[in-house]
Amino acid sequence: MMADVVFLLDVDNTLLDGDRVVADFHRHLKAQLGDVLAQRYWAVFNALRKELGYVDYLGALQRFRLEIGQGSADEQRLLLMSSFLIDYPFADRLYPHAMDVITHLGLYGLTVILSDGDVVLQPRKLQRSGLWQAMEGRALVYVHKEKMLQAVERHYPARHYVMVDDKLAILAAMKAIWGERLTSVFVRQGHYAMDPRIIAAHPQADLTIECIGDLATLDLSHLCPPAMRR
């Protein structure tokens, strides 16, 4: 059945403080492996991100392991790096009122996670943070979500969509495809949302908010066209 409104919510730096998670991982790598090996890992990580088009922390660890050589003196310490991410307390990194926003938006339509990411760590992040449970399993994770709008429509058909994200480029790409069927909401959280060069390079979203908690104060009159408010 087609819903009237579906709210699509990004995860990293939208519902969850991804920058803080990355900072914690930086510190952990440096403490466990030392400066030199930590820097080598991030070089592998950045090369893999350029190759894949998305971040893959666990994939970078595997490639890093092959680079330093199996059986090396550093291998045992490296094996513990993946458990840091898999067991990370992601629930502690949810932004204030993130869960309240999910409940609030659920009064007006269907809430769905729409996130970029890999097939292992990103779903684990959703489970460990409690977002999977809050959404009752309504979660879509793609390599490039802005290119998967037909799949979104197939899974969650709606007359109107509201996309909440910290990346203007993604919001603009989705708006170019869905047009007036989409209300784009830009959340000014995280390093992408604060970069003046990125902001200048893309059109403004339909609505800009300073933090995810601001959504808990808005209703359909702010988020949907007049025809959808009746």
C-alpha atoms as a PDB file:
ATOM      1  CA  MET A   1       0.000   0.000   0.000  1.00  0.00           C
ATOM      2  CA  MET A   2       1.161   3.533  -0.753  1.00  0.00           C
ATOM      3  CA  ALA A   3       1.752   5.753   2.258  1.00  0.00           C
ATOM      4  CA  ASP A   4       0.960   9.448   2.204  1.00  0.00           C
ATOM      5  CA  VAL A   5       4.334  10.440   3.684  1.00  0.00           C
ATOM      6  CA  VAL A   6       7.568   8.529   4.293  1.00  0.00           C
ATOM      7  CA  PHE A   7      10.301  10.141   6.366  1.00  0.00           C
ATOM      8  CA  LEU A   8      13.762   8.982   5.255  1.00  0.00           C
ATOM      9  CA  LEU A   9      16.420   9.507   7.912  1.00  0.00           C
ATOM     10  CA  ASP A  10      20.166   9.348   7.415  1.00  0.00           C
ATOM     11  CA  VAL A  11      22.312   7.930  10.241  1.00  0.00           C
ATOM     12  CA  ASP A  12      25.880   9.248  10.474  1.00  0.00           C
ATOM     13  CA  ASN A  13      25.959  12.879  11.622  1.00  0.00           C
ATOM     14  CA  THR A  14      22.183  12.997  11.335  1.00  0.00           C
ATOM     15  CA  LEU A  15      20.829  10.718  14.049  1.00  0.00           C
ATOM     16  CA  LEU A  16      24.211   9.623  15.373  1.00  0.00           C
ATOM     17  CA  ASP A  17      27.427  11.568  15.976  1.00  0.00           C
ATOM     18  CA  GLY A  18      29.610   9.806  13.408  1.00  0.00           C
ATOM     19  CA  ASP A  19      32.446  12.303  13.779  1.00  0.00           C
ATOM     20  CA  ARG A  20      32.805  11.382  17.437  1.00  0.00           C
ATOM     21  CA  VAL A  21      32.881   7.658  16.614  1.00  0.00           C
ATOM     22  CA  VAL A  22      35.657   8.250  14.091  1.00  0.00           C
ATOM     23  CA  ALA A  23      37.605  10.346  16.614  1.00  0.00           C
ATOM     24  CA  ASP A  24      37.354   7.515  19.147  1.00  0.00           C
ATOM     25  CA  PHE A  25      38.619   5.025  16.562  1.00  0.00           C
ATOM     26  CA  HIS A  26      41.504   7.330  15.692  1.00  0.00           C
ATOM     27  CA  ARG A  27      42.564   7.430  19.336  1.00  0.00           C
ATOM     28  CA  HIS A  28      42.177   3.673  19.747  1.00  0.00           C
ATOM     29  CA  LEU A  29      44.274   2.880  16.674  1.00  0.00           C
ATOM     30  CA  LYS A  30      47.016   5.233  17.789  1.00  0.00           C
ATOM     31  CA  ALA A  31      47.042   3.845  21.332  1.00  0.00           C
ATOM     32  CA  GLN A  32      47.115   0.210  20.222  1.00  0.00           C
ATOM     33  CA  LEU A  33      49.270   0.341  17.087  1.00  0.00           C
ATOM     34  CA  GLY A  34      51.344   3.502  17.477  1.00  0.00           C
ATOM     35  CA  ASP A  35      51.583   6.535  15.213  1.00  0.00           C
ATOM     36  CA  VAL A  36      53.286   4.885  12.232  1.00  0.00           C
ATOM     37  CA  LEU A  37      50.914   1.927  11.832  1.00  0.00           C
ATOM     38  CA  ALA A  38      47.877   4.095  12.563  1.00  0.00           C
ATOM     39  CA  GLN A  39      48.871   6.469   9.777  1.00  0.00           C
ATOM     40  CA  ARG A  40      49.381   3.521   7.430  1.00  0.00           C
ATOM     41  CA  TYR A  41      45.901   2.244   8.233  1.00  0.00           C
ATOM     42  CA  TRP A  42      44.316   5.598   7.374  1.00  0.00           C
ATOM     43  CA  ALA A  43      46.239   5.687   4.101  1.00  0.00           C
ATOM     44  CA  VAL A  44      44.757   2.276   3.239  1.00  0.00           C
ATOM     45  CA  PHE A  45      41.342   3.431   4.412  1.00  0.00           C
ATOM     46  CA  ASN A  46      41.362   6.545   2.212  1.00  0.00           C
ATOM     47  CA  ALA A  47      42.544   4.590  -0.826  1.00  0.00           C
ATOM     48  CA  LEU A  48      39.741   2.062  -0.350  1.00  0.00           C
ATOM     49  CA  ARG A  49      37.158   4.804   0.104  1.00  0.00           C
ATOM     50  CA  LYS A  50      38.224   6.371  -3.175  1.00  0.00           C
ATOM     51  CA  GLU A  51      38.014   2.973  -4.861  1.00  0.00           C
ATOM     52  CA  LEU A  52      34.615   1.959  -3.451  1.00  0.00           C
ATOM     53  CA  GLY A  53      32.923   5.330  -3.104  1.00  0.00           C
ATOM     54  CA  TYR A  54      31.964   4.753   0.536  1.00  0.00           C
ATOM     55  CA  VAL A  55      33.721   4.191   3.867  1.00  0.00           C
ATOM     56  CA  ASP A  56      34.579   0.616   4.844  1.00  0.00           C
ATOM     57  CA  TYR A  57      36.469   0.474   8.133  1.00  0.00           C
ATOM     58  CA  LEU A  58      36.448  -3.312   8.372  1.00  0.00           C
ATOM     59  CA  GLY A  59      37.414  -3.757   4.733  1.00  0.00           C
ATOM     60  CA  ALA A  60      40.310  -1.364   5.284  1.00  0.00           C
ATOM     61  CA  LEU A  61      41.425  -3.444   8.273  1.00  0.00           C
ATOM     62  CA  GLN A  62      41.488  -6.572   6.123  1.00  0.00           C
ATOM     63  CA  ARG A  63      43.462  -4.856   3.383  1.00  0.00           C
ATOM     64  CA  PHE A  64      45.790  -3.343   5.983  1.00  0.00           C
ATOM     65  CA  ARG A  65      46.417  -6.795   7.428  1.00  0.00           C
ATOM     66  CA  LEU A  66      47.487  -8.080   4.031  1.00  0.00           C
ATOM     67  CA  GLU A  67      49.732  -5.072   3.567  1.00  0.00           C
ATOM     68  CA  ILE A  68      51.653  -5.520   6.814  1.00  0.00           C
ATOM     69  CA  GLY A  69      51.877  -9.275   6.231  1.00  0.00           C
ATOM     70  CA  GLN A  70      50.173 -12.167   7.968  1.00  0.00           C
ATOM     71  CA  GLY A  71      52.318 -13.537  10.760  1.00  0.00           C
ATOM     72  CA  SER A  72      53.877 -10.157  11.540  1.00  0.00           C
ATOM     73  CA  ALA A  73      54.483  -9.026  15.113  1.00  0.00           C
ATOM     74  CA  ASP A  74      51.649  -6.477  14.807  1.00  0.00           C
ATOM     75  CA  GLU A  75      49.017  -8.905  13.560  1.00  0.00           C
ATOM     76  CA  GLN A  76      47.659  -9.948  16.968  1.00  0.00           C
ATOM     77  CA  ARG A  77      47.013  -6.351  18.011  1.00  0.00           C
ATOM     78  CA  LEU A  78      45.392  -5.700  14.661  1.00  0.00           C
ATOM     79  CA  LEU A  79      42.906  -8.529  15.180  1.00  0.00           C
ATOM     80  CA  LEU A  80      41.392  -6.624  18.097  1.00  0.00           C
ATOM     81  CA  MET A  81      40.704  -3.500  16.044  1.00  0.00           C
ATOM     82  CA  SER A  82      37.582  -4.955  14.425  1.00  0.00           C
ATOM     83  CA  SER A  83      36.057  -5.824  17.815  1.00  0.00           C
ATOM     84  CA  PHE A  84      36.386  -2.174  18.844  1.00  0.00           C
ATOM     85  CA  LEU A  85      34.021  -1.221  16.008  1.00  0.00           C
ATOM     86  CA  ILE A  86      31.710  -4.238  16.181  1.00  0.00           C
ATOM     87  CA  ASP A  87      31.211  -3.825  19.936  1.00  0.00           C
ATOM     88  CA  TYR A  88      31.279  -0.015  20.000  1.00  0.00           C
ATOM     89  CA  PRO A  89      28.533   1.542  22.201  1.00  0.00           C
ATOM     90  CA  PHE A  90      26.807   3.360  19.358  1.00  0.00           C
ATOM     91  CA  ALA A  91      23.769   4.060  21.544  1.00  0.00           C
ATOM     92  CA  ASP A  92      25.943   6.465  23.525  1.00  0.00           C
ATOM     93  CA  ARG A  93      26.600   8.487  20.365  1.00  0.00           C
ATOM     94  CA  LEU A  94      23.003   9.218  19.389  1.00  0.00           C
ATOM     95  CA  TYR A  95      22.364  12.935  19.210  1.00  0.00           C
ATOM     96  CA  PRO A  96      20.081  14.376  21.914  1.00  0.00           C
ATOM     97  CA  HIS A  97      16.388  13.783  21.122  1.00  0.00           C
ATOM     98  CA  ALA A  98      17.129  11.537  18.106  1.00  0.00           C
ATOM     99  CA  MET A  99      14.730   8.887  19.399  1.00  0.00           C
ATOM    100  CA  ASP A 100      12.139  11.542  20.233  1.00  0.00           C
ATOM    101  CA  VAL A 101      12.279  12.727  16.615  1.00  0.00           C
ATOM    102  CA  ILE A 102      11.613   9.199  15.332  1.00  0.00           C
ATOM    103  CA  THR A 103       8.579   8.926  17.620  1.00  0.00           C
ATOM    104  CA  HIS A 104       7.364  12.415  16.672  1.00  0.00           C
ATOM    105  CA  LEU A 105       7.636  11.880  12.923  1.00  0.00           C
ATOM    106  CA  GLY A 106       5.885   8.546  13.302  1.00  0.00           C
ATOM    107  CA  LEU A 107       2.736  10.476  14.225  1.00  0.00           C
ATOM    108  CA  TYR A 108       2.578  11.848  10.672  1.00  0.00           C
ATOM    109  CA  GLY A 109       3.964   9.075   8.477  1.00  0.00           C
ATOM    110  CA  LEU A 110       6.260   6.086   8.142  1.00  0.00           C
ATOM    111  CA  THR A 111       9.858   6.486   9.361  1.00  0.00           C
ATOM    112  CA  VAL A 112      12.643   4.662   7.498  1.00  0.00           C
ATOM    113  CA  ILE A 113      16.435   4.645   7.797  1.00  0.00           C
ATOM    114  CA  LEU A 114      18.120   5.432   4.465  1.00  0.00           C
ATOM    115  CA  SER A 115      21.869   5.221   4.858  1.00  0.00           C
ATOM    116  CA  ASP A 116      25.054   4.783   2.881  1.00  0.00           C
ATOM    117  CA  GLY A 117      27.430   2.120   4.150  1.00  0.00           C
ATOM    118  CA  ASP A 118      28.790  -1.395   3.991  1.00  0.00           C
ATOM    119  CA  VAL A 119      26.775  -4.555   4.568  1.00  0.00           C
ATOM    120  CA  VAL A 120      28.429  -5.501   7.889  1.00  0.00           C
ATOM    121  CA  LEU A 121      29.286  -2.532  10.105  1.00  0.00           C
ATOM    122  CA  GLN A 122      26.391  -0.255   9.135  1.00  0.00           C
ATOM    123  CA  PRO A 123      23.638  -2.748  10.072  1.00  0.00           C
ATOM    124  CA  ARG A 124      25.565  -3.534  13.254  1.00  0.00           C
ATOM    125  CA  LYS A 125      25.646   0.191  14.029  1.00  0.00           C
ATOM    126  CA  LEU A 126      21.877   0.372  13.617  1.00  0.00           C
ATOM    127  CA  GLN A 127      21.377  -2.561  15.969  1.00  0.00           C
ATOM    128  CA  ARG A 128      23.853  -1.414  18.634  1.00  0.00           C
ATOM    129  CA  SER A 129      22.459   2.135  18.616  1.00  0.00           C
ATOM    130  CA  GLY A 130      18.846   1.009  19.002  1.00  0.00           C
ATOM    131  CA  LEU A 131      17.839   2.632  15.722  1.00  0.00           C
ATOM    132  CA  TRP A 132      16.959  -0.704  14.127  1.00  0.00           C
ATOM    133  CA  GLN A 133      14.519  -1.450  16.935  1.00  0.00           C
ATOM    134  CA  ALA A 134      13.100   2.085  16.940  1.00  0.00           C
ATOM    135  CA  MET A 135      12.379   1.777  13.224  1.00  0.00           C
ATOM    136  CA  GLU A 136      10.982  -1.751  13.655  1.00  0.00           C
ATOM    137  CA  GLY A 137      13.496  -2.985  11.088  1.00  0.00           C
ATOM    138  CA  ARG A 138      12.639  -0.402   8.430  1.00  0.00           C
ATOM    139  CA  ALA A 139      16.176   0.275   7.209  1.00  0.00           C
ATOM    140  CA  LEU A 140      17.787   0.541   3.788  1.00  0.00           C
ATOM    141  CA  VAL A 141      21.588   0.617   3.406  1.00  0.00           C
ATOM    142  CA  TYR A 142      23.137   1.213  -0.008  1.00  0.00           C
ATOM    143  CA  VAL A 143      26.523   2.107  -1.466  1.00  0.00           C
ATOM    144  CA  HIS A 144      25.085   5.293  -3.008  1.00  0.00           C
ATOM    145  CA  LYS A 145      21.578   5.816  -1.691  1.00  0.00           C
ATOM    146  CA  GLU A 146      20.848   8.765  -3.992  1.00  0.00           C
ATOM    147  CA  LYS A 147      21.133   6.329  -6.928  1.00  0.00           C
ATOM    148  CA  MET A 148      18.707   3.838  -5.389  1.00  0.00           C
ATOM    149  CA  LEU A 149      15.492   5.843  -5.327  1.00  0.00           C
ATOM    150  CA  GLN A 150      13.603   3.305  -7.433  1.00  0.00           C
ATOM    151  CA  ALA A 151      14.434   0.685  -4.825  1.00  0.00           C
ATOM    152  CA  VAL A 152      13.271   3.043  -2.071  1.00  0.00           C
ATOM    153  CA  GLU A 153       9.965   3.529  -3.891  1.00  0.00           C
ATOM    154  CA  ARG A 154       9.597  -0.212  -4.337  1.00  0.00           C
ATOM    155  CA  HIS A 155      10.173  -0.969  -0.649  1.00  0.00           C
ATOM    156  CA  TYR A 156       8.284   2.041   0.746  1.00  0.00           C
ATOM    157  CA  PRO A 157       5.954   3.596  -1.852  1.00  0.00           C
ATOM    158  CA  ALA A 158       4.652   7.035  -0.905  1.00  0.00           C
ATOM    159  CA  ARG A 159       2.979  10.085  -2.373  1.00  0.00           C
ATOM    160  CA  HIS A 160       5.590  12.292  -0.711  1.00  0.00           C
ATOM    161  CA  TYR A 161       9.034  11.788   0.828  1.00  0.00           C
ATOM    162  CA  VAL A 162      10.955  13.811   3.393  1.00  0.00           C
ATOM    163  CA  MET A 163      14.734  13.202   3.383  1.00  0.00           C
ATOM    164  CA  VAL A 164      16.754  14.305   6.416  1.00  0.00           C
ATOM    165  CA  ASP A 165      20.522  14.370   5.866  1.00  0.00           C
ATOM    166  CA  ASP A 166      23.719  16.236   6.733  1.00  0.00           C
ATOM    167  CA  LYS A 167      25.014  16.165   3.128  1.00  0.00           C
ATOM    168  CA  LEU A 168      23.714  18.786   0.731  1.00  0.00           C
ATOM    169  CA  ALA A 169      25.064  16.873  -2.273  1.00  0.00           C
ATOM    170  CA  ILE A 170      22.849  13.889  -1.506  1.00  0.00           C
ATOM    171  CA  LEU A 171      19.809  16.069  -0.866  1.00  0.00           C
ATOM    172  CA  ALA A 172      20.354  17.927  -4.143  1.00  0.00           C
ATOM    173  CA  ALA A 173      20.771  14.689  -6.111  1.00  0.00           C
ATOM    174  CA  MET A 174      17.556  13.263  -4.679  1.00  0.00           C
ATOM    175  CA  LYS A 175      15.688  16.520  -5.292  1.00  0.00           C
ATOM    176  CA  ALA A 176      16.790  16.479  -8.924  1.00  0.00           C
ATOM    177  CA  ILE A 177      15.099  13.089  -9.354  1.00  0.00           C
ATOM    178  CA  TRP A 178      12.000  13.354  -7.176  1.00  0.00           C
ATOM    179  CA  GLY A 179      11.356  17.078  -7.553  1.00  0.00           C
ATOM    180  CA  GLU A 180       8.272  18.262  -5.682  1.00  0.00           C
ATOM    181  CA  ARG A 181       7.661  14.764  -4.354  1.00  0.00           C
ATOM    182  CA  LEU A 182      10.556  15.389  -1.955  1.00  0.00           C
ATOM    183  CA  THR A 183      11.073  17.794   0.918  1.00  0.00           C
ATOM    184  CA  SER A 184      14.813  17.991   1.584  1.00  0.00           C
ATOM    185  CA  VAL A 185      15.870  18.740   5.164  1.00  0.00           C
ATOM    186  CA  PHE A 186      19.479  19.748   5.811  1.00  0.00           C
ATOM    187  CA  VAL A 187      20.815  19.116   9.332  1.00  0.00           C
ATOM    188  CA  ARG A 188      23.826  21.293  10.173  1.00  0.00           C
ATOM    189  CA  GLN A 189      25.687  18.643  12.145  1.00  0.00           C
ATOM    190  CA  GLY A 190      29.092  17.109  11.448  1.00  0.00           C
ATOM    191  CA  HIS A 191      32.072  18.196   9.377  1.00  0.00           C
ATOM    192  CA  TYR A 192      30.368  17.916   5.967  1.00  0.00           C
ATOM    193  CA  ALA A 193      27.522  20.189   7.056  1.00  0.00           C
ATOM    194  CA  MET A 194      29.943  22.792   8.403  1.00  0.00           C
ATOM    195  CA  ASP A 195      32.299  22.938   5.418  1.00  0.00           C
ATOM    196  CA  PRO A 196      31.721  26.308   3.675  1.00  0.00           C
ATOM    197  CA  ARG A 197      33.068  25.002   0.356  1.00  0.00           C
ATOM    198  CA  ILE A 198      30.557  22.152   0.308  1.00  0.00           C
ATOM    199  CA  ILE A 199      27.715  24.479   1.284  1.00  0.00           C
ATOM    200  CA  ALA A 200      28.634  26.928  -1.484  1.00  0.00           C
ATOM    201  CA  ALA A 201      28.856  24.161  -4.091  1.00  0.00           C
ATOM    202  CA  HIS A 202      25.260  22.932  -3.733  1.00  0.00           C
ATOM    203  CA  PRO A 203      21.773  24.443  -3.738  1.00  0.00           C
ATOM    204  CA  GLN A 204      20.038  25.030  -0.434  1.00  0.00           C
ATOM    205  CA  ALA A 205      17.688  22.405   0.903  1.00  0.00           C
ATOM    206  CA  ASP A 206      13.967  23.066   1.286  1.00  0.00           C
ATOM    207  CA  LEU A 207      14.476  23.321   5.023  1.00  0.00           C
ATOM    208  CA  THR A 208      17.599  23.798   7.163  1.00  0.00           C
ATOM    209  CA  ILE A 209      17.751  22.932  10.862  1.00  0.00           C
ATOM    210  CA  GLU A 210      20.621  23.309  13.304  1.00  0.00           C
ATOM    211  CA  CYS A 211      20.237  19.936  15.040  1.00  0.00           C
ATOM    212  CA  ILE A 212      18.173  16.790  14.656  1.00  0.00           C
ATOM    213  CA  GLY A 213      16.188  17.612  17.801  1.00  0.00           C
ATOM    214  CA  ASP A 214      14.648  20.600  16.000  1.00  0.00           C
ATOM    215  CA  LEU A 215      12.481  18.174  14.005  1.00  0.00           C
ATOM    216  CA  ALA A 216      10.584  17.278  17.158  1.00  0.00           C
ATOM    217  CA  THR A 217       9.098  20.802  17.105  1.00  0.00           C
ATOM    218  CA  LEU A 218       7.860  20.624  13.497  1.00  0.00           C
ATOM    219  CA  ASP A 219       4.724  19.108  11.990  1.00  0.00           C
ATOM    220  CA  LEU A 220       3.410  18.448   8.477  1.00  0.00           C
ATOM    221  CA  SER A 221       2.816  22.160   7.895  1.00  0.00           C
ATOM    222  CA  HIS A 222       6.605  22.604   7.902  1.00  0.00           C
ATOM    223  CA  LEU A 223       7.585  19.362   6.170  1.00  0.00           C
ATOM    224  CA  CYS A 224       5.075  18.720   3.391  1.00  0.00           C
ATOM    225  CA  PRO A 225       3.304  20.680   0.633  1.00  0.00           C
ATOM    226  CA  PRO A 226      -0.259  21.906   1.352  1.00  0.00           C
ATOM    227  CA  ALA A 227      -1.925  19.037  -0.511  1.00  0.00           C
ATOM    228  CA  MET A 228      -0.339  16.543   1.894  1.00  0.00           C
ATOM    229  CA  ARG A 229      -1.503  18.289   5.066  1.00  0.00           C
ATOM    230  CA  ARG A 230      -5.185  17.516   4.716  1.00  0.00           C
END
